[in-house]
Amino acid sequence: MARYNGPVCRLCRREGEKLYLKGERCYTDKCAVDKRKSAPGQHGMVRSKLSNFGMQLREKQKLRRIYNVLEAPFKNFFERAARRKGKTGEMLVQDLELKLDSVVYRLGFAPSRSSARQLVRHNHILVNSKRHNMPSAILKIGDTVTLVESSRQIPIVLAAVESAKREGHGAPAWLKVNYAEFTGSVVAIPAREDIRIPVHEQSVVELYSK
């Protein structure tokens, strides 16, 4: 299955809520979800009542779309989470949040996860001082993420960093960031309450448990 390369605003409209896939645009009055409440497509105006399975499927799709993960890798993330001690849903969300592209986004080096994925794939990111181009790599406590020095003047990076500093959002508490040096590190495993995403992960667990 190919990766989706179409308009990401359609994905938010399909789910009926903001998934914050397009950076700052999602926070403005240009957001497609605010402008058009209906789902995309000819029959988007009609939203039928979902069955229990349908609701579980939608939660899974939301989680996949937020973290930009295809079906097969997503199932691998779930199976990895299921083998660990603790609540499977929380373990799944933690692993997705600790993906390299997600950490780059949370540090404020990119305006969206898709942009962060491009930075990683194009060798703009160092992990523990070594180039790393695997967006799905799961980081652990103590890992450091640094933007390659020659990549620090990329306009989209500069804009993202300035936005993070100007708006006072910065990085979450489980990350430590130094914008002057374009570097950050994982200082803790994120708790579920630290991961603000509009997903009920227990529904995903129930879907895969059938």
N, C-alpha and C. Protein backbone atom coordinates (compact mmCIF):
# COMPACT_ATOMS: atom_id res chain seq x y z
N MET A 1 0.84 -1.20 0.00
CA MET A 1 0.00 0.00 0.00
C MET A 1 0.87 1.25 0.00
N ALA A 2 0.61 2.17 -0.93
CA ALA A 2 1.42 3.38 -1.05
C ALA A 2 1.07 4.37 0.04
N ARG A 3 2.03 5.24 0.37
CA ARG A 3 1.78 6.27 1.36
C ARG A 3 0.89 7.35 0.76
N TYR A 4 -0.03 7.87 1.55
CA TYR A 4 -0.96 8.89 1.09
C TYR A 4 -0.23 10.21 0.86
N ASN A 5 -0.39 10.76 -0.36
CA ASN A 5 0.28 12.01 -0.71
C ASN A 5 -0.70 13.10 -1.11
N GLY A 6 -1.98 12.88 -0.82
CA GLY A 6 -3.00 13.85 -1.18
C GLY A 6 -3.14 14.95 -0.14
N PRO A 7 -4.17 15.78 -0.28
CA PRO A 7 -4.40 16.88 0.68
C PRO A 7 -4.71 16.33 2.08
N VAL A 8 -3.89 16.69 3.05
CA VAL A 8 -4.07 16.14 4.39
C VAL A 8 -5.31 16.68 5.08
N CYS A 9 -5.79 17.85 4.63
CA CYS A 9 -6.99 18.41 5.24
C CYS A 9 -8.20 17.50 5.02
N ARG A 10 -8.18 16.73 3.94
CA ARG A 10 -9.26 15.77 3.69
C ARG A 10 -9.31 14.71 4.79
N LEU A 11 -8.14 14.35 5.32
CA LEU A 11 -8.09 13.33 6.37
C LEU A 11 -8.75 13.84 7.65
N CYS A 12 -8.49 15.10 7.98
CA CYS A 12 -9.13 15.68 9.16
C CYS A 12 -10.64 15.76 8.96
N ARG A 13 -11.06 16.18 7.77
CA ARG A 13 -12.50 16.28 7.49
C ARG A 13 -13.15 14.90 7.54
N ARG A 14 -12.43 13.89 7.10
CA ARG A 14 -12.98 12.53 7.14
C ARG A 14 -13.24 12.09 8.57
N GLU A 15 -12.35 12.47 9.48
CA GLU A 15 -12.52 12.08 10.88
C GLU A 15 -13.43 13.04 11.65
N GLY A 16 -13.73 14.18 11.05
CA GLY A 16 -14.65 15.12 11.68
C GLY A 16 -14.03 15.95 12.79
N GLU A 17 -12.70 15.99 12.88
CA GLU A 17 -12.02 16.80 13.89
C GLU A 17 -10.59 17.08 13.47
N LYS A 18 -10.00 18.06 14.13
CA LYS A 18 -8.63 18.44 13.79
C LYS A 18 -7.63 17.39 14.25
N LEU A 19 -6.77 16.96 13.32
CA LEU A 19 -5.68 16.05 13.66
C LEU A 19 -4.35 16.80 13.64
N TYR A 20 -4.39 18.08 13.31
CA TYR A 20 -3.22 18.96 13.31
C TYR A 20 -2.11 18.39 12.42
N LEU A 21 -2.48 18.14 11.17
CA LEU A 21 -1.55 17.55 10.21
C LEU A 21 -0.83 18.59 9.36
N LYS A 22 -1.26 19.85 9.44
CA LYS A 22 -0.71 20.86 8.53
C LYS A 22 -0.09 22.04 9.27
N GLY A 23 0.46 21.78 10.43
CA GLY A 23 1.19 22.82 11.13
C GLY A 23 0.33 24.00 11.55
N GLU A 24 0.85 25.20 11.36
CA GLU A 24 0.19 26.41 11.85
C GLU A 24 -1.16 26.66 11.21
N ARG A 25 -1.36 26.20 10.00
CA ARG A 25 -2.64 26.43 9.31
C ARG A 25 -3.81 25.89 10.14
N CYS A 26 -3.55 24.83 10.89
CA CYS A 26 -4.61 24.21 11.70
C CYS A 26 -5.09 25.13 12.83
N TYR A 27 -4.27 26.12 13.17
CA TYR A 27 -4.61 27.02 14.27
C TYR A 27 -5.22 28.33 13.77
N THR A 28 -5.42 28.44 12.45
CA THR A 28 -5.96 29.66 11.87
C THR A 28 -7.39 29.43 11.37
N ASP A 29 -8.02 30.52 10.90
CA ASP A 29 -9.37 30.39 10.36
C ASP A 29 -9.38 29.79 8.96
N LYS A 30 -8.20 29.43 8.45
CA LYS A 30 -8.12 28.76 7.15
C LYS A 30 -8.27 27.24 7.28
N CYS A 31 -8.33 26.75 8.50
CA CYS A 31 -8.44 25.30 8.73
C CYS A 31 -9.67 24.75 8.02
N ALA A 32 -9.48 23.68 7.25
CA ALA A 32 -10.57 23.11 6.46
C ALA A 32 -11.68 22.54 7.33
N VAL A 33 -11.34 22.04 8.51
CA VAL A 33 -12.35 21.47 9.40
C VAL A 33 -13.29 22.57 9.90
N ASP A 34 -12.75 23.75 10.14
CA ASP A 34 -13.58 24.87 10.58
C ASP A 34 -14.43 25.42 9.44
N LYS A 35 -13.87 25.41 8.24
CA LYS A 35 -14.58 25.99 7.09
C LYS A 35 -15.63 25.04 6.52
N ARG A 36 -15.33 23.74 6.54
CA ARG A 36 -16.24 22.76 5.96
C ARG A 36 -16.40 21.60 6.93
N LYS A 37 -17.53 21.52 7.58
CA LYS A 37 -17.76 20.52 8.61
C LYS A 37 -18.02 19.12 8.04
N SER A 38 -18.41 19.04 6.78
CA SER A 38 -18.77 17.75 6.19
C SER A 38 -17.54 16.95 5.80
N ALA A 39 -17.72 15.64 5.66
CA ALA A 39 -16.65 14.77 5.19
C ALA A 39 -16.44 15.01 3.70
N PRO A 40 -15.25 14.72 3.16
CA PRO A 40 -15.02 14.93 1.74
C PRO A 40 -15.81 13.93 0.90
N GLY A 41 -16.03 14.27 -0.35
CA GLY A 41 -16.73 13.36 -1.25
C GLY A 41 -18.17 13.76 -1.51
N GLN A 42 -18.76 13.13 -2.51
CA GLN A 42 -20.11 13.47 -2.95
C GLN A 42 -21.15 13.30 -1.85
N HIS A 43 -20.96 12.29 -1.00
CA HIS A 43 -21.94 11.99 0.03
C HIS A 43 -21.46 12.41 1.42
N GLY A 44 -20.52 13.36 1.44
CA GLY A 44 -19.93 13.76 2.72
C GLY A 44 -20.89 14.44 3.67
N MET A 45 -21.97 15.01 3.14
CA MET A 45 -22.91 15.71 4.00
C MET A 45 -23.66 14.77 4.93
N VAL A 46 -23.72 13.49 4.55
CA VAL A 46 -24.47 12.51 5.33
C VAL A 46 -23.51 11.67 6.16
N ARG A 47 -23.59 11.80 7.46
CA ARG A 47 -22.76 10.98 8.36
C ARG A 47 -23.66 9.99 9.08
N SER A 48 -23.59 8.75 8.66
CA SER A 48 -24.44 7.74 9.27
C SER A 48 -23.90 7.36 10.65
N LYS A 49 -24.77 6.83 11.48
CA LYS A 49 -24.37 6.42 12.82
C LYS A 49 -23.46 5.20 12.72
N LEU A 50 -22.33 5.26 13.41
CA LEU A 50 -21.35 4.19 13.32
C LEU A 50 -21.66 3.04 14.27
N SER A 51 -21.35 1.83 13.82
CA SER A 51 -21.44 0.66 14.70
C SER A 51 -20.25 0.68 15.65
N ASN A 52 -20.22 -0.25 16.59
CA ASN A 52 -19.10 -0.34 17.52
C ASN A 52 -17.80 -0.59 16.76
N PHE A 53 -17.87 -1.48 15.76
CA PHE A 53 -16.69 -1.77 14.94
C PHE A 53 -16.27 -0.51 14.17
N GLY A 54 -17.24 0.22 13.64
CA GLY A 54 -16.94 1.42 12.90
C GLY A 54 -16.23 2.46 13.74
N MET A 55 -16.67 2.62 14.99
CA MET A 55 -16.02 3.58 15.88
C MET A 55 -14.58 3.15 16.20
N GLN A 56 -14.38 1.85 16.41
CA GLN A 56 -13.04 1.35 16.68
C GLN A 56 -12.12 1.57 15.47
N LEU A 57 -12.67 1.33 14.29
CA LEU A 57 -11.89 1.52 13.07
C LEU A 57 -11.50 2.99 12.88
N ARG A 58 -12.41 3.89 13.17
CA ARG A 58 -12.12 5.31 13.03
C ARG A 58 -11.02 5.75 14.00
N GLU A 59 -11.03 5.21 15.22
CA GLU A 59 -9.98 5.55 16.19
C GLU A 59 -8.62 5.06 15.70
N LYS A 60 -8.62 3.87 15.11
CA LYS A 60 -7.35 3.36 14.57
C LYS A 60 -6.86 4.23 13.43
N GLN A 61 -7.77 4.62 12.54
CA GLN A 61 -7.39 5.45 11.41
C GLN A 61 -6.88 6.81 11.87
N LYS A 62 -7.50 7.37 12.89
CA LYS A 62 -7.02 8.64 13.42
C LYS A 62 -5.59 8.52 13.93
N LEU A 63 -5.33 7.45 14.67
CA LEU A 63 -3.99 7.26 15.23
C LEU A 63 -2.96 7.07 14.13
N ARG A 64 -3.32 6.29 13.11
CA ARG A 64 -2.41 6.09 11.97
C ARG A 64 -2.13 7.40 11.25
N ARG A 65 -3.15 8.20 11.06
CA ARG A 65 -3.00 9.43 10.30
C ARG A 65 -2.23 10.49 11.08
N ILE A 66 -2.45 10.56 12.37
CA ILE A 66 -1.72 11.52 13.19
C ILE A 66 -0.23 11.26 13.12
N TYR A 67 0.16 9.97 13.22
CA TYR A 67 1.58 9.62 13.25
C TYR A 67 2.13 9.17 11.90
N ASN A 68 1.29 9.26 10.85
CA ASN A 68 1.75 9.01 9.48
C ASN A 68 2.37 7.61 9.35
N VAL A 69 1.60 6.60 9.75
CA VAL A 69 2.08 5.21 9.74
C VAL A 69 1.18 4.36 8.85
N LEU A 70 1.77 3.56 7.99
CA LEU A 70 1.00 2.65 7.15
C LEU A 70 0.45 1.49 7.96
N GLU A 71 -0.45 0.72 7.36
CA GLU A 71 -1.16 -0.33 8.09
C GLU A 71 -0.22 -1.41 8.66
N ALA A 72 0.66 -1.96 7.80
CA ALA A 72 1.53 -3.03 8.27
C ALA A 72 2.48 -2.59 9.39
N PRO A 73 3.18 -1.46 9.23
CA PRO A 73 4.02 -1.00 10.34
C PRO A 73 3.21 -0.68 11.60
N PHE A 74 1.99 -0.17 11.41
CA PHE A 74 1.16 0.15 12.57
C PHE A 74 0.85 -1.13 13.36
N LYS A 75 0.54 -2.20 12.64
CA LYS A 75 0.27 -3.47 13.32
C LYS A 75 1.50 -3.95 14.06
N ASN A 76 2.68 -3.72 13.49
CA ASN A 76 3.93 -4.10 14.18
C ASN A 76 4.09 -3.30 15.47
N PHE A 77 3.75 -2.01 15.43
CA PHE A 77 3.79 -1.19 16.63
C PHE A 77 2.84 -1.74 17.69
N PHE A 78 1.65 -2.15 17.25
CA PHE A 78 0.67 -2.69 18.20
C PHE A 78 1.19 -3.99 18.83
N GLU A 79 1.71 -4.89 18.02
CA GLU A 79 2.21 -6.17 18.54
C GLU A 79 3.37 -5.95 19.50
N ARG A 80 4.21 -4.97 19.22
CA ARG A 80 5.31 -4.65 20.13
C ARG A 80 4.77 -4.15 21.46
N ALA A 81 3.75 -3.29 21.39
CA ALA A 81 3.15 -2.76 22.61
C ALA A 81 2.46 -3.87 23.42
N ALA A 82 1.84 -4.82 22.72
CA ALA A 82 1.11 -5.90 23.39
C ALA A 82 2.05 -6.83 24.16
N ARG A 83 3.30 -6.89 23.74
CA ARG A 83 4.26 -7.78 24.41
C ARG A 83 4.85 -7.15 25.67
N ARG A 84 4.64 -5.86 25.86
CA ARG A 84 5.22 -5.17 27.00
C ARG A 84 4.26 -5.15 28.19
N LYS A 85 4.83 -4.93 29.37
CA LYS A 85 4.00 -4.84 30.57
C LYS A 85 3.33 -3.48 30.61
N GLY A 86 2.10 -3.47 31.08
CA GLY A 86 1.36 -2.22 31.15
C GLY A 86 0.15 -2.24 30.23
N LYS A 87 -0.55 -1.12 30.15
CA LYS A 87 -1.72 -1.02 29.30
C LYS A 87 -1.28 -0.92 27.84
N THR A 88 -1.77 -1.85 27.04
CA THR A 88 -1.34 -1.93 25.65
C THR A 88 -1.57 -0.62 24.90
N GLY A 89 -2.74 -0.01 25.10
CA GLY A 89 -3.05 1.23 24.41
C GLY A 89 -2.05 2.33 24.74
N GLU A 90 -1.71 2.47 26.01
CA GLU A 90 -0.76 3.50 26.41
C GLU A 90 0.63 3.20 25.87
N MET A 91 1.03 1.92 25.89
CA MET A 91 2.33 1.54 25.35
C MET A 91 2.40 1.87 23.86
N LEU A 92 1.29 1.64 23.15
CA LEU A 92 1.24 1.92 21.72
C LEU A 92 1.42 3.41 21.45
N VAL A 93 0.68 4.24 22.18
CA VAL A 93 0.77 5.69 21.98
C VAL A 93 2.17 6.19 22.35
N GLN A 94 2.75 5.64 23.41
CA GLN A 94 4.10 6.05 23.81
C GLN A 94 5.11 5.75 22.71
N ASP A 95 5.03 4.54 22.15
CA ASP A 95 5.98 4.17 21.09
C ASP A 95 5.82 5.07 19.86
N LEU A 96 4.59 5.37 19.50
CA LEU A 96 4.36 6.25 18.36
C LEU A 96 4.89 7.65 18.63
N GLU A 97 4.71 8.11 19.85
CA GLU A 97 5.18 9.45 20.22
C GLU A 97 6.71 9.51 20.24
N LEU A 98 7.36 8.38 20.51
CA LEU A 98 8.81 8.33 20.58
C LEU A 98 9.46 8.02 19.23
N LYS A 99 8.66 7.91 18.18
CA LYS A 99 9.23 7.77 16.84
C LYS A 99 10.11 8.98 16.55
N LEU A 100 11.17 8.77 15.79
CA LEU A 100 12.11 9.84 15.53
C LEU A 100 11.45 11.05 14.87
N ASP A 101 10.60 10.82 13.87
CA ASP A 101 9.96 11.97 13.21
C ASP A 101 9.03 12.71 14.15
N SER A 102 8.36 11.98 15.05
CA SER A 102 7.48 12.62 16.02
C SER A 102 8.28 13.46 17.02
N VAL A 103 9.43 12.94 17.44
CA VAL A 103 10.28 13.69 18.38
C VAL A 103 10.82 14.96 17.73
N VAL A 104 11.23 14.86 16.46
CA VAL A 104 11.70 16.04 15.74
C VAL A 104 10.60 17.10 15.69
N TYR A 105 9.37 16.66 15.45
CA TYR A 105 8.23 17.57 15.43
C TYR A 105 7.98 18.17 16.81
N ARG A 106 7.99 17.34 17.84
CA ARG A 106 7.73 17.82 19.20
C ARG A 106 8.81 18.78 19.69
N LEU A 107 10.02 18.60 19.21
CA LEU A 107 11.11 19.52 19.59
C LEU A 107 10.93 20.90 18.96
N GLY A 108 10.11 20.97 17.92
CA GLY A 108 9.86 22.25 17.26
C GLY A 108 10.74 22.51 16.07
N PHE A 109 11.39 21.46 15.54
CA PHE A 109 12.27 21.63 14.39
C PHE A 109 11.52 21.53 13.07
N ALA A 110 10.24 21.17 13.11
CA ALA A 110 9.43 21.06 11.90
C ALA A 110 8.00 21.45 12.25
N PRO A 111 7.25 22.02 11.30
CA PRO A 111 5.89 22.46 11.58
C PRO A 111 4.87 21.34 11.66
N SER A 112 5.21 20.17 11.16
CA SER A 112 4.28 19.03 11.18
C SER A 112 5.08 17.74 11.17
N ARG A 113 4.40 16.64 11.45
CA ARG A 113 5.10 15.35 11.44
C ARG A 113 5.53 14.96 10.04
N SER A 114 4.75 15.31 9.03
CA SER A 114 5.14 14.98 7.66
C SER A 114 6.40 15.74 7.27
N SER A 115 6.52 16.99 7.69
CA SER A 115 7.74 17.76 7.42
C SER A 115 8.92 17.17 8.19
N ALA A 116 8.66 16.74 9.42
CA ALA A 116 9.72 16.12 10.23
C ALA A 116 10.19 14.82 9.57
N ARG A 117 9.25 14.09 9.00
CA ARG A 117 9.61 12.85 8.32
C ARG A 117 10.55 13.13 7.15
N GLN A 118 10.27 14.20 6.40
CA GLN A 118 11.13 14.56 5.29
C GLN A 118 12.53 14.93 5.76
N LEU A 119 12.61 15.67 6.85
CA LEU A 119 13.92 16.04 7.38
C LEU A 119 14.73 14.79 7.72
N VAL A 120 14.06 13.83 8.34
CA VAL A 120 14.77 12.59 8.71
C VAL A 120 15.19 11.81 7.48
N ARG A 121 14.26 11.63 6.53
CA ARG A 121 14.54 10.83 5.34
C ARG A 121 15.64 11.46 4.49
N HIS A 122 15.77 12.78 4.52
CA HIS A 122 16.76 13.46 3.69
C HIS A 122 18.08 13.72 4.43
N ASN A 123 18.28 12.98 5.52
CA ASN A 123 19.56 13.00 6.24
C ASN A 123 19.91 14.35 6.86
N HIS A 124 18.90 15.05 7.34
CA HIS A 124 19.15 16.32 8.03
C HIS A 124 19.27 16.14 9.54
N ILE A 125 19.08 14.92 10.02
CA ILE A 125 19.00 14.69 11.47
C ILE A 125 20.11 13.74 11.95
N LEU A 126 20.69 14.10 13.08
CA LEU A 126 21.65 13.22 13.76
C LEU A 126 21.00 12.67 15.03
N VAL A 127 21.21 11.39 15.29
CA VAL A 127 20.79 10.78 16.55
C VAL A 127 22.04 10.28 17.25
N ASN A 128 22.31 10.82 18.41
CA ASN A 128 23.53 10.49 19.15
C ASN A 128 24.77 10.72 18.27
N SER A 129 24.75 11.86 17.56
CA SER A 129 25.87 12.33 16.73
C SER A 129 26.08 11.52 15.45
N LYS A 130 25.14 10.65 15.11
CA LYS A 130 25.25 9.88 13.87
C LYS A 130 24.03 10.14 13.00
N ARG A 131 24.25 10.25 11.69
CA ARG A 131 23.13 10.47 10.78
C ARG A 131 22.15 9.32 10.86
N HIS A 132 20.88 9.65 10.85
CA HIS A 132 19.83 8.63 10.99
C HIS A 132 18.68 9.02 10.08
N ASN A 133 18.30 8.13 9.16
CA ASN A 133 17.24 8.46 8.21
C ASN A 133 16.04 7.51 8.27
N MET A 134 15.80 6.93 9.45
CA MET A 134 14.66 6.05 9.65
C MET A 134 13.63 6.74 10.53
N PRO A 135 12.57 7.31 9.97
CA PRO A 135 11.58 8.04 10.77
C PRO A 135 10.90 7.20 11.83
N SER A 136 10.79 5.88 11.61
CA SER A 136 10.06 5.02 12.54
C SER A 136 10.91 4.51 13.70
N ALA A 137 12.18 4.87 13.73
CA ALA A 137 13.04 4.44 14.84
C ALA A 137 12.50 4.98 16.16
N ILE A 138 12.40 4.10 17.16
CA ILE A 138 11.88 4.50 18.46
C ILE A 138 13.04 4.92 19.37
N LEU A 139 12.99 6.15 19.84
CA LEU A 139 14.05 6.66 20.69
C LEU A 139 13.84 6.24 22.14
N LYS A 140 14.87 6.34 22.93
CA LYS A 140 14.80 5.99 24.35
C LYS A 140 15.40 7.10 25.18
N ILE A 141 15.24 7.00 26.48
CA ILE A 141 15.77 8.03 27.38
C ILE A 141 17.28 8.17 27.19
N GLY A 142 17.73 9.40 27.05
CA GLY A 142 19.15 9.67 26.87
C GLY A 142 19.54 9.92 25.43
N ASP A 143 18.70 9.54 24.48
CA ASP A 143 19.02 9.78 23.07
C ASP A 143 18.96 11.28 22.77
N THR A 144 19.91 11.74 21.97
CA THR A 144 19.95 13.14 21.57
C THR A 144 19.64 13.27 20.08
N VAL A 145 18.93 14.30 19.73
CA VAL A 145 18.56 14.59 18.34
C VAL A 145 19.11 15.95 17.99
N THR A 146 19.86 16.01 16.89
CA THR A 146 20.49 17.26 16.48
C THR A 146 20.27 17.49 15.00
N LEU A 147 20.00 18.73 14.65
CA LEU A 147 19.88 19.09 13.24
C LEU A 147 21.27 19.29 12.67
N VAL A 148 21.55 18.69 11.52
CA VAL A 148 22.84 18.84 10.87
C VAL A 148 23.13 20.34 10.68
N GLU A 149 24.37 20.74 10.94
CA GLU A 149 24.71 22.16 10.92
C GLU A 149 24.39 22.82 9.58
N SER A 150 24.64 22.11 8.50
CA SER A 150 24.40 22.69 7.18
C SER A 150 22.91 22.82 6.86
N SER A 151 22.05 22.23 7.69
CA SER A 151 20.61 22.25 7.44
C SER A 151 19.88 23.25 8.33
N ARG A 152 20.60 23.99 9.13
CA ARG A 152 19.95 24.85 10.13
C ARG A 152 19.39 26.15 9.55
N GLN A 153 19.69 26.42 8.28
CA GLN A 153 19.16 27.63 7.65
C GLN A 153 18.01 27.32 6.69
N ILE A 154 17.51 26.08 6.72
CA ILE A 154 16.36 25.74 5.89
C ILE A 154 15.17 26.58 6.36
N PRO A 155 14.52 27.31 5.45
CA PRO A 155 13.44 28.22 5.85
C PRO A 155 12.35 27.57 6.69
N ILE A 156 11.94 26.35 6.34
CA ILE A 156 10.85 25.71 7.07
C ILE A 156 11.28 25.38 8.51
N VAL A 157 12.57 25.09 8.69
CA VAL A 157 13.09 24.81 10.03
C VAL A 157 13.15 26.09 10.85
N LEU A 158 13.68 27.14 10.26
CA LEU A 158 13.78 28.42 10.96
C LEU A 158 12.39 28.93 11.35
N ALA A 159 11.43 28.78 10.45
CA ALA A 159 10.07 29.24 10.74
C ALA A 159 9.46 28.43 11.87
N ALA A 160 9.70 27.11 11.87
CA ALA A 160 9.14 26.25 12.92
C ALA A 160 9.74 26.59 14.28
N VAL A 161 11.03 26.81 14.33
CA VAL A 161 11.71 27.14 15.59
C VAL A 161 11.23 28.50 16.10
N GLU A 162 11.15 29.47 15.21
CA GLU A 162 10.69 30.80 15.63
C GLU A 162 9.25 30.73 16.13
N SER A 163 8.44 29.92 15.49
CA SER A 163 7.05 29.76 15.92
C SER A 163 6.98 29.14 17.31
N ALA A 164 7.80 28.10 17.54
CA ALA A 164 7.81 27.44 18.85
C ALA A 164 8.23 28.40 19.95
N LYS A 165 9.22 29.23 19.67
CA LYS A 165 9.69 30.18 20.67
C LYS A 165 8.71 31.34 20.86
N ARG A 166 8.15 31.81 19.76
CA ARG A 166 7.24 32.96 19.84
C ARG A 166 5.95 32.63 20.57
N GLU A 167 5.40 31.46 20.28
CA GLU A 167 4.13 31.10 20.87
C GLU A 167 4.29 30.53 22.27
N GLY A 168 5.52 30.28 22.66
CA GLY A 168 5.75 29.77 24.00
C GLY A 168 5.36 28.31 24.18
N HIS A 169 5.16 27.62 23.06
CA HIS A 169 4.79 26.20 23.16
C HIS A 169 6.00 25.38 23.59
N GLY A 170 7.10 25.55 22.85
CA GLY A 170 8.30 24.80 23.16
C GLY A 170 8.08 23.31 23.09
N ALA A 171 8.94 22.58 23.74
CA ALA A 171 8.86 21.12 23.76
C ALA A 171 8.13 20.66 25.02
N PRO A 172 7.51 19.48 24.97
CA PRO A 172 6.86 18.95 26.18
C PRO A 172 7.88 18.63 27.26
N ALA A 173 7.39 18.38 28.46
CA ALA A 173 8.27 18.20 29.62
C ALA A 173 9.19 16.99 29.50
N TRP A 174 8.81 16.00 28.70
CA TRP A 174 9.63 14.80 28.59
C TRP A 174 10.79 14.96 27.60
N LEU A 175 10.86 16.15 26.99
CA LEU A 175 11.96 16.47 26.09
C LEU A 175 12.70 17.70 26.60
N LYS A 176 13.98 17.77 26.32
CA LYS A 176 14.79 18.95 26.63
C LYS A 176 15.34 19.48 25.33
N VAL A 177 15.18 20.78 25.09
CA VAL A 177 15.59 21.34 23.80
C VAL A 177 16.45 22.58 23.99
N ASN A 178 17.41 22.74 23.10
CA ASN A 178 18.27 23.92 23.05
C ASN A 178 18.17 24.48 21.63
N TYR A 179 17.35 25.52 21.46
CA TYR A 179 17.12 26.05 20.13
C TYR A 179 18.37 26.73 19.56
N ALA A 180 19.21 27.25 20.41
CA ALA A 180 20.42 27.91 19.94
C ALA A 180 21.36 26.91 19.26
N GLU A 181 21.35 25.68 19.77
CA GLU A 181 22.23 24.64 19.22
C GLU A 181 21.48 23.67 18.31
N PHE A 182 20.18 23.89 18.15
CA PHE A 182 19.34 23.00 17.32
C PHE A 182 19.49 21.55 17.76
N THR A 183 19.40 21.34 19.05
CA THR A 183 19.53 19.99 19.58
C THR A 183 18.51 19.75 20.68
N GLY A 184 18.17 18.50 20.90
CA GLY A 184 17.23 18.14 21.94
C GLY A 184 17.48 16.72 22.39
N SER A 185 16.89 16.34 23.51
CA SER A 185 17.10 14.99 24.02
C SER A 185 15.85 14.48 24.73
N VAL A 186 15.75 13.16 24.80
CA VAL A 186 14.64 12.52 25.50
C VAL A 186 15.05 12.35 26.96
N VAL A 187 14.33 12.98 27.88
CA VAL A 187 14.70 12.92 29.29
C VAL A 187 13.74 12.04 30.10
N ALA A 188 12.63 11.62 29.49
CA ALA A 188 11.67 10.77 30.19
C ALA A 188 10.76 10.10 29.17
N ILE A 189 10.10 9.04 29.58
CA ILE A 189 9.08 8.41 28.75
C ILE A 189 7.79 9.21 28.91
N PRO A 190 7.16 9.63 27.83
CA PRO A 190 5.96 10.47 27.97
C PRO A 190 4.80 9.71 28.61
N ALA A 191 4.17 10.31 29.60
CA ALA A 191 2.96 9.74 30.20
C ALA A 191 1.79 10.02 29.26
N ARG A 192 0.73 9.23 29.39
CA ARG A 192 -0.40 9.40 28.47
C ARG A 192 -0.99 10.80 28.55
N GLU A 193 -1.04 11.36 29.74
CA GLU A 193 -1.62 12.70 29.87
C GLU A 193 -0.75 13.78 29.23
N ASP A 194 0.51 13.45 28.92
CA ASP A 194 1.40 14.40 28.26
C ASP A 194 1.23 14.38 26.74
N ILE A 195 0.52 13.37 26.24
CA ILE A 195 0.35 13.21 24.79
C ILE A 195 -1.06 13.65 24.42
N ARG A 196 -1.17 14.86 23.94
CA ARG A 196 -2.48 15.44 23.67
C ARG A 196 -2.91 15.15 22.24
N ILE A 197 -3.55 14.04 22.06
CA ILE A 197 -4.09 13.66 20.76
C ILE A 197 -5.55 13.22 20.94
N PRO A 198 -6.43 13.52 19.99
CA PRO A 198 -7.86 13.20 20.12
C PRO A 198 -8.19 11.76 19.76
N VAL A 199 -7.59 10.82 20.49
CA VAL A 199 -7.77 9.40 20.17
C VAL A 199 -8.08 8.62 21.43
N HIS A 200 -9.03 7.67 21.30
CA HIS A 200 -9.32 6.75 22.40
C HIS A 200 -8.62 5.44 22.06
N GLU A 201 -7.41 5.28 22.56
CA GLU A 201 -6.57 4.15 22.14
C GLU A 201 -7.10 2.79 22.57
N GLN A 202 -7.94 2.76 23.62
CA GLN A 202 -8.50 1.49 24.06
C GLN A 202 -9.38 0.87 22.97
N SER A 203 -10.00 1.72 22.16
CA SER A 203 -10.82 1.22 21.05
C SER A 203 -9.94 0.51 20.02
N VAL A 204 -8.71 0.98 19.84
CA VAL A 204 -7.78 0.35 18.91
C VAL A 204 -7.39 -1.03 19.44
N VAL A 205 -7.16 -1.12 20.74
CA VAL A 205 -6.84 -2.40 21.37
C VAL A 205 -7.98 -3.39 21.18
N GLU A 206 -9.19 -2.92 21.40
CA GLU A 206 -10.37 -3.78 21.24
C GLU A 206 -10.52 -4.24 19.79
N LEU A 207 -10.20 -3.38 18.85
CA LEU A 207 -10.30 -3.74 17.43
C LEU A 207 -9.33 -4.86 17.09
N TYR A 208 -8.09 -4.74 17.54
CA TYR A 208 -7.08 -5.77 17.22
C TYR A 208 -7.24 -7.03 18.06
N SER A 209 -8.03 -6.96 19.11
CA SER A 209 -8.21 -8.12 19.99
C SER A 209 -9.31 -9.06 19.51
N LYS A 210 -10.00 -8.67 18.46
CA LYS A 210 -11.11 -9.51 17.97
C LYS A 210 -10.60 -10.73 17.24
